[in-house]
Structure formats: C-alpha cells, structure tokens
C-alpha atoms as a PDB file:
ATOM      1  CA  UNK A   1       5.484  32.913   9.943  1.00  0.00           C
ATOM      2  CA  UNK A   2       1.957  32.309   8.647  1.00  0.00           C
ATOM      3  CA  UNK A   3       0.448  28.859   8.987  1.00  0.00           C
ATOM      4  CA  UNK A   4       0.631  26.957   5.709  1.00  0.00           C
ATOM      5  CA  UNK A   5      -2.016  24.576   4.482  1.00  0.00           C
ATOM      6  CA  UNK A   6      -2.365  22.095   1.662  1.00  0.00           C
ATOM      7  CA  UNK A   7      -5.179  21.353  -0.747  1.00  0.00           C
ATOM      8  CA  UNK A   8      -6.006  17.656  -1.097  1.00  0.00           C
ATOM      9  CA  UNK A   9      -7.721  16.261  -4.195  1.00  0.00           C
ATOM     10  CA  UNK A  10      -8.692  12.595  -4.283  1.00  0.00           C
ATOM     11  CA  UNK A  11      -9.278  11.573  -7.894  1.00  0.00           C
ATOM     12  CA  UNK A  12     -10.970   8.458  -9.243  1.00  0.00           C
ATOM     13  CA  UNK A  13     -10.820   7.422 -12.911  1.00  0.00           C
ATOM     14  CA  UNK A  14     -14.302   8.796 -13.508  1.00  0.00           C
ATOM     15  CA  UNK A  15     -14.721  11.683 -11.039  1.00  0.00           C
ATOM     16  CA  UNK A  16     -13.272  13.891  -8.318  1.00  0.00           C
ATOM     17  CA  UNK A  17     -13.990  11.979  -5.113  1.00  0.00           C
ATOM     18  CA  UNK A  18     -13.021  14.724  -2.654  1.00  0.00           C
ATOM     19  CA  UNK A  19     -11.487  18.176  -2.571  1.00  0.00           C
ATOM     20  CA  UNK A  20     -10.323  19.404   0.830  1.00  0.00           C
ATOM     21  CA  UNK A  21      -8.963  22.855   1.621  1.00  0.00           C
ATOM     22  CA  UNK A  22      -6.829  23.937   4.611  1.00  0.00           C
ATOM     23  CA  UNK A  23      -5.286  20.500   5.167  1.00  0.00           C
ATOM     24  CA  UNK A  24      -2.664  20.510   7.911  1.00  0.00           C
ATOM     25  CA  UNK A  25      -1.263  16.995   7.460  1.00  0.00           C
ATOM     26  CA  UNK A  26      -1.766  13.802   5.459  1.00  0.00           C
ATOM     27  CA  UNK A  27      -0.764  10.213   6.224  1.00  0.00           C
ATOM     28  CA  UNK A  28      -0.980   7.592   3.462  1.00  0.00           C
ATOM     29  CA  UNK A  29       0.042   3.946   3.130  1.00  0.00           C
ATOM     30  CA  UNK A  30       2.791   2.957   0.713  1.00  0.00           C
ATOM     31  CA  UNK A  31       4.244  -0.500   0.053  1.00  0.00           C
ATOM     32  CA  UNK A  32       7.134   0.529   2.348  1.00  0.00           C
ATOM     33  CA  UNK A  33       4.860   1.706   5.202  1.00  0.00           C
ATOM     34  CA  UNK A  34       3.144   4.888   6.377  1.00  0.00           C
ATOM     35  CA  UNK A  35       4.094   8.131   4.634  1.00  0.00           C
ATOM     36  CA  UNK A  36       3.401  11.559   6.150  1.00  0.00           C
ATOM     37  CA  UNK A  37       3.078  14.959   4.484  1.00  0.00           C
ATOM     38  CA  UNK A  38       3.201  18.421   6.007  1.00  0.00           C
ATOM     39  CA  UNK A  39       2.712  21.671   4.049  1.00  0.00           C
ATOM     40  CA  UNK A  40       6.420  22.562   3.859  1.00  0.00           C
ATOM     41  CA  UNK A  41       7.607  19.124   2.714  1.00  0.00           C
ATOM     42  CA  UNK A  42       9.465  19.057  -0.583  1.00  0.00           C
ATOM     43  CA  UNK A  43       7.561  18.045  -3.692  1.00  0.00           C
ATOM     44  CA  UNK A  44       7.331  14.288  -4.133  1.00  0.00           C
ATOM     45  CA  UNK A  45       5.620  11.327  -5.769  1.00  0.00           C
ATOM     46  CA  UNK A  46       4.695   8.096  -3.959  1.00  0.00           C
ATOM     47  CA  UNK A  47       2.941   4.894  -4.935  1.00  0.00           C
ATOM     48  CA  UNK A  48       0.088   4.057  -2.597  1.00  0.00           C
ATOM     49  CA  UNK A  49      -1.081   0.667  -1.445  1.00  0.00           C
ATOM     50  CA  UNK A  50      -4.657  -0.118  -0.455  1.00  0.00           C
ATOM     51  CA  UNK A  51      -5.296   1.303   2.990  1.00  0.00           C
ATOM     52  CA  UNK A  52      -6.602   4.233   4.996  1.00  0.00           C
ATOM     53  CA  UNK A  53      -5.675   7.789   4.006  1.00  0.00           C
ATOM     54  CA  UNK A  54      -5.731  10.091   7.042  1.00  0.00           C
ATOM     55  CA  UNK A  55      -5.873  13.868   6.811  1.00  0.00           C
ATOM     56  CA  UNK A  56      -6.509  16.710   9.232  1.00  0.00           C
ATOM     57  CA  UNK A  57      -8.063  20.010   8.228  1.00  0.00           C
ATOM     58  CA  UNK A  58      -8.091  23.325  10.076  1.00  0.00           C
ATOM     59  CA  UNK A  59     -10.767  23.319  12.782  1.00  0.00           C
ATOM     60  CA  UNK A  60     -11.763  19.674  12.314  1.00  0.00           C
ATOM     61  CA  UNK A  61     -10.818  16.263  13.622  1.00  0.00           C
ATOM     62  CA  UNK A  62      -8.950  13.682  11.567  1.00  0.00           C
ATOM     63  CA  UNK A  63     -10.796  12.388   8.528  1.00  0.00           C
ATOM     64  CA  UNK A  64     -10.390   8.912   7.075  1.00  0.00           C
ATOM     65  CA  UNK A  65     -10.789   7.676   3.508  1.00  0.00           C
ATOM     66  CA  UNK A  66     -10.299   4.076   2.395  1.00  0.00           C
ATOM     67  CA  UNK A  67      -8.311   4.115  -0.852  1.00  0.00           C
ATOM     68  CA  UNK A  68      -7.236   1.481  -3.328  1.00  0.00           C
ATOM     69  CA  UNK A  69      -3.780   1.358  -4.921  1.00  0.00           C
ATOM     70  CA  UNK A  70      -2.719   4.518  -6.672  1.00  0.00           C
ATOM     71  CA  UNK A  71      -0.328   7.462  -6.791  1.00  0.00           C
ATOM     72  CA  UNK A  72       0.180  10.513  -4.570  1.00  0.00           C
ATOM     73  CA  UNK A  73       1.736  13.646  -6.087  1.00  0.00           C
ATOM     74  CA  UNK A  74       2.677  16.719  -4.030  1.00  0.00           C
ATOM     75  CA  UNK A  75       3.548  19.907  -5.913  1.00  0.00           C
ATOM     76  CA  UNK A  76       3.771  23.038  -3.801  1.00  0.00           C
ATOM     77  CA  UNK A  77       0.717  23.170  -1.584  1.00  0.00           C
ATOM     78  CA  UNK A  78      -1.322  20.884  -3.871  1.00  0.00           C
ATOM     79  CA  UNK A  79      -1.601  17.166  -3.093  1.00  0.00           C
ATOM     80  CA  UNK A  80      -3.308  14.912  -5.622  1.00  0.00           C
ATOM     81  CA  UNK A  81      -4.164  11.327  -4.830  1.00  0.00           C
ATOM     82  CA  UNK A  82      -5.210   9.293  -7.851  1.00  0.00           C
ATOM     83  CA  UNK A  83      -6.696   5.878  -7.008  1.00  0.00           C
ATOM     84  CA  UNK A  84      -8.953   3.299  -8.622  1.00  0.00           C
ATOM     85  CA  UNK A  85     -11.517   3.316  -5.818  1.00  0.00           C
ATOM     86  CA  UNK A  86     -12.232   5.173  -2.566  1.00  0.00           C
ATOM     87  CA  UNK A  87     -14.773   5.048   0.268  1.00  0.00           C
ATOM     88  CA  UNK A  88     -15.610   7.476   3.051  1.00  0.00           C
ATOM     89  CA  UNK A  89     -18.410   8.308   5.445  1.00  0.00           C
ATOM     90  CA  UNK A  90     -17.920   5.329   7.744  1.00  0.00           C
ATOM     91  CA  UNK A  91     -16.134   4.825  11.024  1.00  0.00           C
ATOM     92  CA  UNK A  92     -12.480   3.850  11.038  1.00  0.00           C
ATOM     93  CA  UNK A  93     -13.212   0.189  11.835  1.00  0.00           C
ATOM     94  CA  UNK A  94     -15.777  -0.111   9.013  1.00  0.00           C
ATOM     95  CA  UNK A  95     -13.332   1.497   6.577  1.00  0.00           C
ATOM     96  CA  UNK A  96     -10.597  -0.961   7.591  1.00  0.00           C
ATOM     97  CA  UNK A  97     -12.977  -3.868   7.007  1.00  0.00           C
ATOM     98  CA  UNK A  98     -14.021  -2.407   3.656  1.00  0.00           C
ATOM     99  CA  UNK A  99     -10.380  -2.184   2.565  1.00  0.00           C
ATOM    100  CA  UNK A 100      -9.829  -5.818   3.494  1.00  0.00           C
ATOM    101  CA  UNK A 101     -13.001  -7.042   1.775  1.00  0.00           C
ATOM    102  CA  UNK A 102     -13.305  -4.829  -1.302  1.00  0.00           C
ATOM    103  CA  UNK A 103      -9.818  -3.831  -2.339  1.00  0.00           C
ATOM    104  CA  UNK A 104      -7.987  -7.029  -1.414  1.00  0.00           C
ATOM    105  CA  UNK A 105     -10.672  -9.088  -3.181  1.00  0.00           C
ATOM    106  CA  UNK A 106     -10.120  -7.016  -6.325  1.00  0.00           C
ATOM    107  CA  UNK A 107      -6.409  -7.829  -6.120  1.00  0.00           C
ATOM    108  CA  UNK A 108      -7.185 -11.562  -6.021  1.00  0.00           C
ATOM    109  CA  UNK A 109      -9.512 -11.268  -9.014  1.00  0.00           C
ATOM    110  CA  UNK A 110      -6.901  -9.234 -10.866  1.00  0.00           C
ATOM    111  CA  UNK A 111      -4.245 -11.882 -10.175  1.00  0.00           C
ATOM    112  CA  UNK A 112      -6.534 -14.617 -11.525  1.00  0.00           C
ATOM    113  CA  UNK A 113      -7.271 -12.549 -14.634  1.00  0.00           C
ATOM    114  CA  UNK A 114      -3.569 -11.913 -15.207  1.00  0.00           C
ATOM    115  CA  UNK A 115      -2.825 -15.649 -14.877  1.00  0.00           C
ATOM    116  CA  UNK A 116      -5.469 -16.449 -17.508  1.00  0.00           C
ATOM    117  CA  UNK A 117      -4.122 -13.742 -19.829  1.00  0.00           C
ATOM    118  CA  UNK A 118      -0.564 -15.042 -19.390  1.00  0.00           C
ATOM    119  CA  UNK A 119      -1.716 -18.557 -20.374  1.00  0.00           C
ATOM    120  CA  UNK A 120      -3.492 -17.165 -23.435  1.00  0.00           C
ATOM    121  CA  UNK A 121      -0.411 -15.172 -24.463  1.00  0.00           C
ATOM    122  CA  UNK A 122       1.820 -18.212 -23.978  1.00  0.00           C
ATOM    123  CA  UNK A 123      -0.516 -20.378 -26.080  1.00  0.00           C
ATOM    124  CA  UNK A 124      -0.639 -17.697 -28.800  1.00  0.00           C
ATOM    125  CA  UNK A 125       3.174 -17.467 -28.901  1.00  0.00           C
ATOM    126  CA  UNK A 126       3.485 -21.258 -29.136  1.00  0.00           C
ATOM    127  CA  UNK A 127       1.074 -21.291 -32.096  1.00  0.00           C
ATOM    128  CA  UNK A 128       3.039 -18.489 -33.799  1.00  0.00           C
ATOM    129  CA  UNK A 129       6.318 -20.397 -33.360  1.00  0.00           C
ATOM    130  CA  UNK A 130       4.742 -23.572 -34.729  1.00  0.00           C
ATOM    131  CA  UNK A 131       3.276 -21.642 -37.668  1.00  0.00           C
ATOM    132  CA  UNK A 132       6.649 -20.032 -38.425  1.00  0.00           C
ATOM    133  CA  UNK A 133       8.355 -23.428 -38.327  1.00  0.00           C
ATOM    134  CA  UNK A 134       5.715 -24.836 -40.704  1.00  0.00           C
ATOM    135  CA  UNK A 135       6.166 -21.955 -43.174  1.00  0.00           C
ATOM    136  CA  UNK A 136       9.994 -22.246 -43.038  1.00  0.00           C
ATOM    137  CA  UNK A 137       9.835 -25.945 -43.911  1.00  0.00           C
ATOM    138  CA  UNK A 138       7.894 -25.243 -47.132  1.00  0.00           C
END
C-alpha cells in the first residue's frame, strides 16, 4: 500500500497563511482537548481553540503554528484550517507565550466589547418598550 499524505492549508480572513504538501499527521487543539489527524481518517469538521497546531511533513521534523480560534475541515486528503490569526517562525516556547499573550488578550477584549454591546441592546429594547407603551396610551 502506498504511503498517503495530506495537504494542509491554513487560511486567515485576508490571506492564505500556509500551504503544506506531503503532511503525514496533524494535531490541533479543540475545546475538548487534542485532536489528531492521519491521512486515512474519515472526513470531519472540528472547532479549534487557541493553541499550537502541530504537523509533520515527509522528510522534515515537526512544525508548529500558533493559531487562534477557528475551524478545521478534512475532506479526503485536504485539510483546511480557517482561523482569525496565526503565527509561525518561532520556537515552541515563544509560540506558546504568544498564544497566551496575543490570542487570550483578544478574547478578553472581545468579552468586554460583547458586554458593552449587550448593555446597549438592553437599553435600546427598554426604550422601544417605553415608546410602545407611550404610543398605546394615546
């Protein structure tokens, strides 16, 4: 039986971050824990959490990419990882630190923004209810 390989594409909203051929295996982080892919695995979809994506290509050592939250889709031998942000070109320890600093900080900012938007929506709804009550009393 011939050795099978995968093609890995890491996509950002504005560009293709990486395209790797002859990938033997991939390990990604999901909210439930680590998730591994081999070439003959059935097609699947998985949500990714911020963390380190590990992949091994033919004739090379493991490669590491820090990725933000996103989605992994495997169809046949094609694996597409779509994330908001990604970083590579550093050692494993620097990538881990970058994930903690950059991606987790974005989550905190996003939570604050969502809290402000929820307050604005709540205030808007209260004004609409008050307006409707005023127009019904006329």
